[in-house]
């Protein structure tokens, strides 16, 4: 296993203890782990490119690891009342849909690259979740909620880019 893939696996699995920590009100531990996991996204990409291994499984697993981290954190925050439930639901549905499209596309030989807007969406999600986990003040929590809403809206706007990769057609 490459260092880049190990970081990707760490990010994918980090959501589990984050969910548990948020559920038990251990925000400091959740924040530390979430921050390290979110930052690992940039590092694993750098390591993969440096090693000349930026294609293949990593191209599929990297965005899926992001989705796993985001899904578990946003679900934990929504269940504890720290994130808007409706916005969290939009994010969950969108991420599950896009994740499924990516996996099915990969199995069919398609390599679906994330566009600039999708990367902006992920950055908004990561920043929003960091603020919502930290929640040092109502102002910071409000900024986190606004960023999460922006991520949900960007996520909706980017959905049409994934539709050509589905087996069904809308008429």
Protein backbone atom coordinates (compact mmCIF):
# COMPACT_ATOMS: atom_id res chain seq x y z
CA UNK A 1 0.00 0.00 0.00
CA UNK A 2 1.37 3.40 -0.95
CA UNK A 3 1.62 6.28 1.51
CA UNK A 4 -1.03 8.15 -0.49
CA UNK A 5 -3.44 5.22 -0.29
CA UNK A 6 -2.77 4.83 3.44
CA UNK A 7 -3.73 8.48 3.99
CA UNK A 8 -6.86 7.98 1.89
CA UNK A 9 -7.81 4.94 3.98
CA UNK A 10 -7.17 6.93 7.17
CA UNK A 11 -9.49 9.69 5.93
CA UNK A 12 -12.21 7.21 5.01
CA UNK A 13 -12.11 5.54 8.43
CA UNK A 14 -11.61 8.72 10.49
CA UNK A 15 -15.31 9.51 10.22
CA UNK A 16 -16.20 6.64 12.56
CA UNK A 17 -14.39 7.93 15.68
CA UNK A 18 -15.44 11.48 14.74
CA UNK A 19 -19.10 10.42 14.73
CA UNK A 20 -18.67 8.69 18.10
CA UNK A 21 -16.78 11.64 19.61
CA UNK A 22 -19.43 14.14 18.49
CA UNK A 23 -22.14 11.84 19.82
CA UNK A 24 -20.46 11.81 23.23
CA UNK A 25 -19.83 15.57 23.18
CA UNK A 26 -16.06 15.21 22.81
CA UNK A 27 -15.73 18.10 20.39
CA UNK A 28 -12.01 18.73 20.93
CA UNK A 29 -11.00 15.21 19.91
CA UNK A 30 -13.46 15.23 17.01
CA UNK A 31 -12.13 18.59 15.83
CA UNK A 32 -8.51 17.48 15.99
CA UNK A 33 -9.18 14.25 14.11
CA UNK A 34 -11.42 15.92 11.53
CA UNK A 35 -8.83 18.63 10.86
CA UNK A 36 -6.03 16.10 10.36
CA UNK A 37 -8.27 13.95 8.13
CA UNK A 38 -9.40 16.94 6.04
CA UNK A 39 -5.82 18.12 5.57
CA UNK A 40 -4.77 14.61 4.54
CA UNK A 41 -6.77 15.11 1.33
CA UNK A 42 -4.20 17.58 0.00
CA UNK A 43 -1.27 15.53 1.22
CA UNK A 44 -2.36 12.22 -0.32
CA UNK A 45 -2.87 13.90 -3.68
CA UNK A 46 0.57 15.45 -3.52
CA UNK A 47 2.17 12.12 -2.57
CA UNK A 48 0.34 10.27 -5.35
CA UNK A 49 1.40 12.79 -7.99
CA UNK A 50 4.99 12.78 -6.71
CA UNK A 51 5.11 8.99 -6.93
CA UNK A 52 3.48 9.03 -10.38
CA UNK A 53 0.52 7.07 -9.03
CA UNK A 54 -2.25 9.65 -9.36
CA UNK A 55 -4.43 7.33 -11.45
CA UNK A 56 -6.00 3.95 -10.78
CA UNK A 57 -7.67 3.03 -7.53
CA UNK A 58 -6.64 6.26 -5.82
CA UNK A 59 -8.65 8.24 -8.33
CA UNK A 60 -11.75 6.37 -7.17
CA UNK A 61 -10.96 6.00 -3.48
CA UNK A 62 -9.85 9.58 -2.83
CA UNK A 63 -13.28 11.17 -3.50
CA UNK A 64 -15.02 8.25 -1.79
CA UNK A 65 -12.87 8.80 1.31
CA UNK A 66 -13.88 12.48 1.27
CA UNK A 67 -17.52 11.42 1.06
CA UNK A 68 -17.18 8.96 3.94
CA UNK A 69 -15.57 11.61 6.14
CA UNK A 70 -18.14 14.27 5.25
CA UNK A 71 -21.13 11.94 5.54
CA UNK A 72 -20.27 10.67 9.00
CA UNK A 73 -19.40 14.12 10.33
CA UNK A 74 -22.48 15.82 8.89
CA UNK A 75 -24.77 13.03 10.14
CA UNK A 76 -23.29 13.29 13.64
CA UNK A 77 -23.68 17.07 13.64
CA UNK A 78 -27.25 16.91 12.33
CA UNK A 79 -28.25 14.27 14.89
CA UNK A 80 -26.87 16.41 17.73
CA UNK A 81 -28.60 19.55 16.43
CA UNK A 82 -25.31 21.21 15.47
CA UNK A 83 -26.01 21.29 11.71
CA UNK A 84 -29.22 22.15 9.85
CA UNK A 85 -31.04 18.87 9.28
CA UNK A 86 -32.44 19.78 5.85
CA UNK A 87 -29.06 20.90 4.53
CA UNK A 88 -27.42 17.80 5.98
CA UNK A 89 -30.03 15.63 4.22
CA UNK A 90 -29.31 17.32 0.88
CA UNK A 91 -25.59 16.71 1.34
CA UNK A 92 -26.09 13.07 2.33
CA UNK A 93 -28.34 12.30 -0.67
CA UNK A 94 -26.03 14.10 -3.10
CA UNK A 95 -22.86 12.44 -1.79
CA UNK A 96 -24.39 8.96 -1.84
CA UNK A 97 -25.67 9.50 -5.40
CA UNK A 98 -22.36 10.85 -6.71
CA UNK A 99 -20.44 8.12 -4.88
CA UNK A 100 -22.60 5.47 -6.52
CA UNK A 101 -22.14 7.07 -9.95
CA UNK A 102 -18.36 7.11 -9.42
CA UNK A 103 -18.23 3.44 -8.39
CA UNK A 104 -20.50 2.26 -11.22
CA UNK A 105 -18.58 4.40 -13.71
CA UNK A 106 -15.27 3.01 -12.49
CA UNK A 107 -16.57 -0.54 -12.86
CA UNK A 108 -17.54 0.32 -16.46
CA UNK A 109 -14.09 1.72 -17.22
CA UNK A 110 -14.97 5.41 -16.82
CA UNK A 111 -12.69 7.73 -14.89
CA UNK A 112 -14.77 10.62 -13.59
CA UNK A 113 -12.68 13.61 -12.62
CA UNK A 114 -14.00 16.17 -10.15
CA UNK A 115 -14.41 19.62 -11.66
CA UNK A 116 -13.43 22.91 -10.10
CA UNK A 117 -16.91 23.49 -8.64
CA UNK A 118 -16.96 20.03 -7.06
CA UNK A 119 -13.59 20.74 -5.45
CA UNK A 120 -14.94 24.08 -4.19
CA UNK A 121 -17.92 22.19 -2.75
CA UNK A 122 -15.60 19.85 -0.88
CA UNK A 123 -13.56 22.77 0.45
CA UNK A 124 -16.77 24.47 1.68
CA UNK A 125 -17.88 21.22 3.33
CA UNK A 126 -14.57 20.73 5.08
CA UNK A 127 -14.44 24.34 6.31
CA UNK A 128 -18.08 24.26 7.39
CA UNK A 129 -17.74 21.00 9.27
CA UNK A 130 -14.58 22.21 10.99
CA UNK A 131 -16.44 25.30 12.24
CA UNK A 132 -19.54 23.33 13.22
CA UNK A 133 -17.51 20.77 15.15
CA UNK A 134 -15.49 23.50 16.92
CA UNK A 135 -18.51 25.70 17.60
CA UNK A 136 -16.68 28.16 19.90
CA UNK A 137 -19.45 30.74 19.44
CA UNK A 138 -22.84 31.25 17.85
CA UNK A 139 -21.21 33.44 15.19
CA UNK A 140 -18.77 30.70 14.18
CA UNK A 141 -21.62 28.16 14.12
CA UNK A 142 -23.62 30.52 11.90
CA UNK A 143 -20.70 30.92 9.49
CA UNK A 144 -20.37 27.12 9.47
CA UNK A 145 -24.07 26.75 8.65
CA UNK A 146 -23.77 29.28 5.81
CA UNK A 147 -20.75 27.43 4.37
CA UNK A 148 -22.58 24.12 4.66
CA UNK A 149 -25.55 25.63 2.83
CA UNK A 150 -23.19 26.94 0.12
CA UNK A 151 -21.70 23.45 -0.19
CA UNK A 152 -25.17 21.95 -0.59
CA UNK A 153 -26.08 24.48 -3.28
CA UNK A 154 -22.81 23.93 -5.15
CA UNK A 155 -23.42 20.19 -4.82
CA UNK A 156 -26.81 20.57 -6.49
CA UNK A 157 -25.28 22.72 -9.25
CA UNK A 158 -22.63 20.09 -9.98
CA UNK A 159 -25.06 17.17 -10.25
CA UNK A 160 -25.66 17.59 -14.01
CA UNK A 161 -21.96 16.84 -14.62
CA UNK A 162 -22.51 13.34 -13.20
CA UNK A 163 -25.76 12.52 -15.01
CA UNK A 164 -24.13 11.57 -18.35
CA UNK A 165 -22.29 8.83 -16.46
CA UNK A 166 -25.48 7.11 -15.31
CA UNK A 167 -27.12 4.22 -17.14
CA UNK A 168 -30.55 5.81 -17.02
CA UNK A 169 -31.71 8.84 -18.96
CA UNK A 170 -34.15 11.54 -17.94
CA UNK A 171 -36.59 12.57 -20.67
